[in-house]
Protein backbone atom coordinates (compact mmCIF):
# COMPACT_ATOMS: atom_id res chain seq x y z
CA MET A 1 250.49 -51.07 -195.15
CA ALA A 2 247.21 -51.83 -196.83
CA ASN A 3 247.60 -55.48 -196.02
CA SER A 4 248.20 -54.73 -192.34
CA ILE A 5 245.09 -52.55 -192.17
CA SER A 6 242.90 -55.21 -193.78
CA ARG A 7 244.26 -57.84 -191.40
CA SER A 8 243.49 -55.64 -188.37
CA LYS A 9 239.88 -55.11 -189.51
CA LYS A 10 239.38 -58.83 -189.81
CA THR A 11 240.36 -59.33 -186.18
CA GLU A 12 237.89 -56.67 -184.90
CA GLY A 13 234.47 -57.67 -183.52
CA PRO A 14 233.24 -60.15 -180.88
CA VAL A 15 235.43 -63.06 -180.11
CA PRO A 16 233.54 -66.33 -180.55
CA GLN A 17 232.84 -68.06 -177.23
CA LYS A 18 233.52 -71.69 -176.65
CA LYS A 19 230.53 -73.86 -175.87
CA SER A 20 230.51 -74.89 -172.25
CA ASN A 21 229.65 -78.43 -171.22
CA GLU A 22 228.20 -77.18 -167.92
CA PRO A 23 224.39 -77.59 -167.59
CA LEU A 24 222.28 -74.43 -167.51
CA ILE A 25 220.86 -73.45 -164.12
CA LYS A 26 217.03 -73.34 -164.24
CA ARG A 27 215.75 -70.35 -162.33
CA LYS A 28 212.34 -70.37 -160.71
CA PRO A 29 210.14 -67.84 -162.55
CA ALA A 30 208.97 -64.81 -160.59
CA PRO A 31 205.29 -64.80 -159.60
CA HIS A 32 203.04 -63.06 -162.08
CA PRO A 33 201.40 -60.12 -160.23
CA PHE A 34 198.16 -60.32 -162.24
CA LEU A 35 197.63 -63.98 -161.44
CA ASN A 36 197.93 -63.30 -157.72
CA SER A 37 194.47 -61.75 -157.55
CA GLU A 38 191.24 -63.64 -156.99
CA LYS A 39 189.63 -61.55 -159.72
CA ALA A 40 192.18 -62.82 -162.24
CA HIS A 41 191.47 -66.44 -161.31
CA LYS A 42 187.74 -65.97 -161.83
CA GLU A 43 188.15 -64.16 -165.14
CA ILE A 44 190.50 -66.78 -166.52
CA LEU A 45 188.39 -69.71 -165.42
CA ALA A 46 185.17 -68.11 -166.64
CA GLY A 47 186.79 -67.71 -170.06
CA VAL A 48 187.86 -71.32 -170.03
CA VAL A 49 184.33 -72.55 -169.52
CA GLU A 50 182.88 -70.23 -172.15
CA LYS A 51 185.27 -71.69 -174.73
CA LYS A 52 184.08 -75.23 -173.95
CA LYS A 53 187.64 -76.56 -173.63
CA PHE A 54 187.48 -77.85 -170.09
CA LYS A 55 188.75 -81.41 -170.72
CA LYS A 56 191.47 -80.27 -173.09
CA LEU A 57 192.76 -77.60 -170.72
CA VAL A 58 192.82 -79.96 -167.75
CA GLU A 59 195.53 -81.83 -169.66
CA ASP A 60 197.17 -78.56 -170.66
CA LYS A 61 199.66 -76.50 -168.68
CA ILE A 62 197.18 -73.79 -167.65
CA ILE A 63 196.08 -75.61 -164.49
CA LYS A 64 199.63 -76.08 -163.23
CA GLN A 65 200.57 -72.54 -164.21
CA LEU A 66 197.65 -71.04 -162.29
CA ALA A 67 198.44 -73.15 -159.25
CA LYS A 68 202.12 -72.23 -159.48
CA TYR A 69 201.71 -68.47 -159.82
CA GLY A 70 198.30 -67.86 -158.29
CA GLY A 71 198.85 -69.30 -154.84
CA ILE A 72 195.98 -71.80 -155.07
CA THR A 73 195.96 -75.56 -155.48
CA GLU A 74 195.14 -77.49 -158.63
CA GLN A 75 192.17 -79.04 -156.81
CA GLU A 76 190.75 -75.60 -156.00
CA ILE A 77 191.07 -74.59 -159.64
CA LEU A 78 189.31 -77.73 -160.84
CA GLU A 79 186.52 -77.20 -158.30
CA ARG A 80 186.09 -73.62 -159.49
CA MET A 81 185.88 -74.82 -163.09
CA ASP A 82 183.29 -77.43 -162.13
CA TYR A 83 181.32 -74.64 -160.47
CA TYR A 84 181.32 -72.48 -163.60
CA ILE A 85 180.22 -75.39 -165.78
CA GLU A 86 177.38 -76.30 -163.41
CA LEU A 87 176.36 -72.66 -163.03
CA GLU A 88 176.14 -72.17 -166.79
CA LYS A 89 173.82 -75.17 -167.14
CA LEU A 90 171.58 -73.96 -164.31
CA GLN A 91 171.47 -70.45 -165.79
CA MET A 92 170.31 -71.96 -169.09
CA GLU A 93 167.38 -73.41 -167.14
CA LEU A 94 166.71 -70.01 -165.54
CA VAL A 95 166.40 -68.56 -169.04
CA LYS A 96 163.81 -71.22 -169.86
CA LEU A 97 162.02 -70.49 -166.59
CA GLN A 98 161.85 -66.78 -167.38
CA GLN A 99 160.56 -67.44 -170.89
CA TRP A 100 157.75 -69.49 -169.35
CA VAL A 101 157.04 -66.73 -166.80
CA VAL A 102 156.75 -64.17 -169.61
CA LYS A 103 154.65 -66.43 -171.85
CA GLU A 104 152.22 -67.44 -169.09
CA LYS A 105 152.25 -63.99 -167.43
CA LYS A 106 153.30 -65.46 -164.09
CA ARG A 107 154.59 -63.39 -161.18
CA VAL A 108 157.56 -64.62 -159.17
CA ALA A 109 159.01 -62.95 -156.07
CA ILE A 110 162.15 -64.41 -154.43
CA ILE A 111 163.25 -63.05 -151.06
CA PHE A 112 166.91 -63.24 -150.01
CA GLU A 113 167.34 -62.78 -146.28
CA GLY A 114 170.24 -63.56 -143.96
CA ARG A 115 172.86 -61.98 -141.77
CA ASP A 116 175.30 -59.45 -143.20
CA ALA A 117 177.89 -61.06 -145.51
CA ALA A 118 175.85 -64.26 -145.77
CA GLY A 119 176.11 -64.28 -149.59
CA LYS A 120 172.71 -62.88 -150.56
CA GLY A 121 173.98 -60.36 -153.11
CA GLY A 122 176.30 -62.85 -154.79
CA ALA A 123 173.49 -65.37 -155.15
CA ILE A 124 171.16 -62.74 -156.64
CA ARG A 125 173.80 -61.80 -159.22
CA ARG A 126 174.04 -65.42 -160.35
CA PHE A 127 170.26 -65.66 -160.61
CA SER A 128 169.97 -62.51 -162.73
CA GLN A 129 173.21 -62.74 -164.73
CA GLN A 130 171.85 -64.29 -167.93
CA ILE A 131 168.11 -63.61 -167.90
CA MET A 132 166.35 -60.72 -169.66
CA PRO A 133 166.57 -57.53 -167.55
CA ARG A 134 163.37 -56.22 -169.15
CA HIS A 135 161.38 -58.94 -167.41
CA SER A 136 163.21 -59.00 -164.07
CA LYS A 137 164.47 -56.60 -161.43
CA ILE A 138 166.46 -56.51 -158.22
CA VAL A 139 164.92 -54.63 -155.30
CA ALA A 140 167.25 -53.33 -152.57
CA LEU A 141 165.41 -50.47 -150.89
CA PRO A 142 167.24 -47.84 -148.82
CA ALA A 143 166.08 -46.72 -145.40
CA PRO A 144 162.53 -45.26 -145.52
CA ASN A 145 162.14 -41.52 -145.88
CA GLU A 146 159.87 -39.38 -143.72
CA VAL A 147 156.82 -39.93 -145.95
CA GLU A 148 157.32 -43.70 -146.03
CA LYS A 149 157.72 -43.82 -142.26
CA GLY A 150 154.17 -42.47 -141.94
CA GLN A 151 152.71 -45.09 -144.31
CA TRP A 152 151.54 -48.63 -143.63
CA TYR A 153 154.79 -50.56 -143.36
CA PHE A 154 154.19 -52.84 -146.36
CA THR A 155 153.27 -49.99 -148.74
CA ARG A 156 156.69 -49.42 -150.26
CA TYR A 157 157.19 -53.14 -150.79
CA VAL A 158 153.80 -53.57 -152.47
CA LYS A 159 154.98 -51.11 -155.13
CA GLU A 160 157.89 -53.45 -155.94
CA LEU A 161 155.89 -56.67 -156.29
CA PRO A 162 156.17 -58.39 -159.70
CA ASN A 163 153.94 -57.47 -162.60
CA PRO A 164 152.66 -60.23 -164.92
CA GLY A 165 155.57 -61.89 -166.74
CA THR A 166 158.20 -60.67 -164.25
CA LEU A 167 160.65 -62.07 -161.70
CA VAL A 168 161.62 -59.88 -158.76
CA PHE A 169 164.60 -60.55 -156.48
CA PHE A 170 164.41 -58.87 -153.06
CA ASP A 171 167.85 -58.19 -151.59
CA ARG A 172 166.36 -57.95 -148.11
CA SER A 173 162.64 -57.36 -147.86
CA TRP A 174 159.84 -56.47 -145.48
CA TYR A 175 161.58 -58.80 -143.03
CA ASN A 176 163.91 -55.95 -142.11
CA ARG A 177 161.33 -55.19 -139.45
CA ALA A 178 161.59 -58.73 -138.07
CA ILE A 179 165.34 -58.65 -137.32
CA VAL A 180 167.48 -55.64 -138.24
CA GLU A 181 165.11 -52.91 -137.07
CA PRO A 182 164.35 -54.26 -133.56
CA VAL A 183 168.01 -55.22 -132.95
CA MET A 184 169.33 -51.81 -134.03
CA GLY A 185 166.50 -49.86 -132.39
CA PHE A 186 165.02 -48.61 -135.69
CA CYS A 187 161.46 -49.52 -134.67
CA SER A 188 159.44 -49.67 -131.47
CA LYS A 189 158.23 -52.86 -129.77
CA GLU A 190 154.69 -51.99 -130.82
CA GLN A 191 155.72 -51.63 -134.47
CA TYR A 192 157.58 -54.94 -134.32
CA GLU A 193 154.64 -56.83 -132.83
CA GLU A 194 152.21 -55.25 -135.30
CA PHE A 195 154.42 -56.46 -138.17
CA MET A 196 154.62 -59.98 -136.75
CA ARG A 197 150.82 -60.11 -136.48
CA GLN A 198 150.26 -58.89 -140.03
CA VAL A 199 153.01 -60.49 -142.11
CA ASN A 200 151.47 -63.96 -142.44
CA ASP A 201 148.16 -62.49 -143.57
CA PHE A 202 150.00 -60.21 -145.99
CA GLU A 203 151.84 -63.15 -147.56
CA HIS A 204 148.65 -65.20 -147.68
CA MET A 205 147.06 -62.45 -149.76
CA LEU A 206 150.02 -62.60 -152.14
CA TYR A 207 149.60 -66.37 -152.37
CA GLU A 208 145.85 -66.13 -153.03
CA ASN A 209 146.50 -63.52 -155.69
CA GLY A 210 148.72 -65.94 -157.60
CA ILE A 211 152.20 -64.63 -156.78
CA ILE A 212 154.83 -67.37 -156.51
CA LEU A 213 156.73 -66.44 -153.34
CA ILE A 214 159.99 -68.11 -152.31
CA LYS A 215 161.75 -67.06 -149.09
CA PHE A 216 165.46 -67.86 -148.61
CA TRP A 217 167.38 -67.50 -145.37
CA PHE A 218 171.14 -67.65 -146.02
CA SER A 219 172.71 -69.08 -142.88
CA VAL A 220 176.35 -68.25 -142.10
CA SER A 221 178.53 -69.08 -139.10
CA GLN A 222 179.95 -66.37 -136.86
CA LEU A 223 183.53 -67.28 -137.78
CA GLU A 224 182.81 -67.16 -141.51
CA GLN A 225 181.04 -63.80 -141.16
CA GLU A 226 184.08 -62.43 -139.34
CA LYS A 227 186.38 -63.64 -142.14
CA ARG A 228 184.21 -62.01 -144.79
CA PHE A 229 184.11 -58.71 -142.92
CA ALA A 230 187.92 -58.75 -142.69
CA SER A 231 188.17 -59.50 -146.41
CA ARG A 232 185.85 -56.60 -147.25
CA GLU A 233 187.80 -54.21 -145.08
CA LYS A 234 191.06 -55.03 -146.85
CA ASN A 235 189.64 -54.99 -150.37
CA PRO A 236 189.17 -51.46 -151.76
CA LEU A 237 186.64 -52.82 -154.27
CA LYS A 238 184.45 -54.26 -151.51
CA ASN A 239 184.88 -52.03 -148.46
CA TRP A 240 181.86 -49.96 -149.54
CA LYS A 241 179.78 -52.97 -148.45
CA LEU A 242 180.69 -52.40 -144.81
CA SER A 243 177.90 -50.41 -143.18
CA PRO A 244 177.48 -49.24 -139.57
CA VAL A 245 175.10 -52.20 -139.09
CA ASP A 246 177.75 -54.61 -140.36
CA LYS A 247 180.29 -53.31 -137.86
CA LYS A 248 177.92 -54.11 -135.00
CA ALA A 249 176.83 -57.50 -136.35
CA GLN A 250 179.50 -59.52 -134.53
CA LYS A 251 178.93 -57.80 -131.18
CA LEU A 252 175.15 -58.24 -131.47
CA TRP A 253 175.30 -61.84 -132.69
CA LYS A 254 173.08 -63.22 -129.91
CA GLU A 255 170.49 -60.47 -130.36
CA PHE A 256 170.30 -61.18 -134.09
CA SER A 257 169.99 -64.90 -133.32
CA TYR A 258 167.04 -64.34 -130.99
CA TYR A 259 165.04 -62.31 -133.51
CA LYS A 260 166.02 -64.65 -136.34
CA ASP A 261 164.61 -67.62 -134.43
CA GLN A 262 161.45 -65.67 -133.66
CA MET A 263 161.01 -64.75 -137.31
CA LEU A 264 161.55 -68.27 -138.66
CA SER A 265 159.27 -69.97 -136.15
CA ARG A 266 156.44 -67.41 -136.35
CA THR A 267 156.41 -66.72 -140.11
CA HIS A 268 157.08 -70.19 -141.55
CA THR A 269 153.81 -71.27 -143.19
CA ASN A 270 152.76 -73.95 -145.68
CA TYR A 271 151.95 -71.28 -148.30
CA ALA A 272 155.14 -69.24 -147.69
CA PRO A 273 157.74 -71.51 -146.07
CA TRP A 274 161.26 -70.47 -145.17
CA VAL A 275 164.05 -72.22 -147.07
CA ILE A 276 167.36 -72.42 -145.19
CA VAL A 277 170.58 -72.23 -147.24
CA ARG A 278 173.83 -73.21 -145.53
CA GLY A 279 176.01 -70.41 -146.84
CA ASP A 280 179.54 -70.90 -145.50
CA ASN A 281 180.49 -72.25 -148.93
CA LYS A 282 179.33 -69.53 -151.32
CA LEU A 283 179.66 -71.63 -154.45
CA HIS A 284 177.47 -74.44 -153.11
CA ALA A 285 174.93 -71.96 -151.74
CA ARG A 286 174.54 -70.24 -155.12
CA LEU A 287 174.15 -73.46 -157.08
CA GLU A 288 171.69 -75.05 -154.66
CA SER A 289 169.48 -71.96 -154.28
CA ILE A 290 169.12 -71.78 -158.07
CA ARG A 291 168.45 -75.51 -158.18
CA TYR A 292 165.76 -75.16 -155.50
CA VAL A 293 163.85 -72.53 -157.49
CA LEU A 294 164.04 -74.56 -160.68
CA ASN A 295 162.83 -77.64 -158.84
CA ALA A 296 159.97 -75.78 -157.13
CA ILE A 297 158.40 -74.30 -160.30
CA ASP A 298 156.97 -76.42 -163.14
CA TYR A 299 158.11 -74.42 -166.14
CA GLU A 300 157.99 -75.40 -169.79
CA GLY A 301 160.97 -77.48 -170.99
CA LYS A 302 161.98 -78.52 -167.48
CA GLU A 303 161.96 -82.22 -168.41
CA ASN A 304 164.74 -81.61 -170.97
CA ALA A 305 167.20 -80.13 -168.46
CA GLU A 306 170.80 -81.30 -168.94
CA VAL A 307 171.59 -80.76 -165.28
CA SER A 308 170.20 -82.17 -162.04
CA LEU A 309 167.42 -80.04 -160.58
CA LEU A 310 167.29 -81.92 -157.29
CA PRO A 311 168.71 -79.67 -154.53
CA ASP A 312 171.24 -81.09 -152.07
CA PRO A 313 169.41 -81.59 -148.74
CA ASN A 314 172.71 -81.18 -146.87
CA ILE A 315 172.89 -77.58 -148.09
CA ILE A 316 169.31 -76.42 -148.58
CA GLY A 317 165.89 -77.33 -147.27
CA ARG A 318 162.74 -76.09 -145.58
CA TYR A 319 162.92 -74.70 -142.09
CA TYR A 320 161.69 -76.76 -139.18
CA LEU A 321 161.91 -76.08 -135.48
CA ARG A 322 164.71 -78.48 -134.63
CA ASN A 323 166.93 -78.13 -137.68
CA GLN A 324 170.55 -77.15 -137.19
CA ASN A 325 171.47 -73.84 -138.82
CA LEU A 326 174.95 -72.39 -139.04
CA ASP A 327 173.84 -69.22 -137.26
């Protein structure tokens, strides 16, 4: 009896399976939900560049994995990585530029103008990302209040001009009165014409007072603007950017174009020229606008730059009457 019980216990448990000679079927892995977002791509690639392992990782599996799961091509990933590497080098030069501005007590004001969704804000963020916030600021003024409406138009902008040793980035500027306000009916014809008569003299006073003034116009095509509006509307993290003015921008394209042409032709001077940035490709526009500023200012240590400071003339250059803009 005892022997029979012991024999029965030995037979209990899983029965060993025979090894099959059939090959295993390789299943395609399911897409990774995190890697499907544009934010994830940027975060991953930014980390790659910071670790200085670009060449090693190109040979690694990360490129193919991102392309496989993220819905973008290997070429797009490599271009994005090139962008981050170039941006980091240019930002190192911006740090040197700011140190020179602080040391020499210079005053630098950079104006970013353009249609809605032209890429002004993104460019400003790349300018200011790595420099000292104590010696720089971003100015994006709201609509004027009742007191400001009764003041000389330039008053509230004068308050924001750079102090010695400071860089100021204007996310839109006094040029609101040259385009947005007349198109949207926020100012009278008399107010518009008064501004156009005074603005060149105002900027000449800034120039004579020693302020380094750079004026960018970010040019964007109507089709690209429409795509960016649609992207903002779908993205819950960006739909706050859509304002009532933005929603009318496409319908009033011709009106904006008329006042834009008036502004560029009447306020482009040798002491405060307009610089046109072709902005349909945001990455190129950001890099070349930074490069333009670095090339335009003779700061200390510029000769030791490890990156080209010569802006691409196919993307950025001074305004002239017959040049072809995207908008």
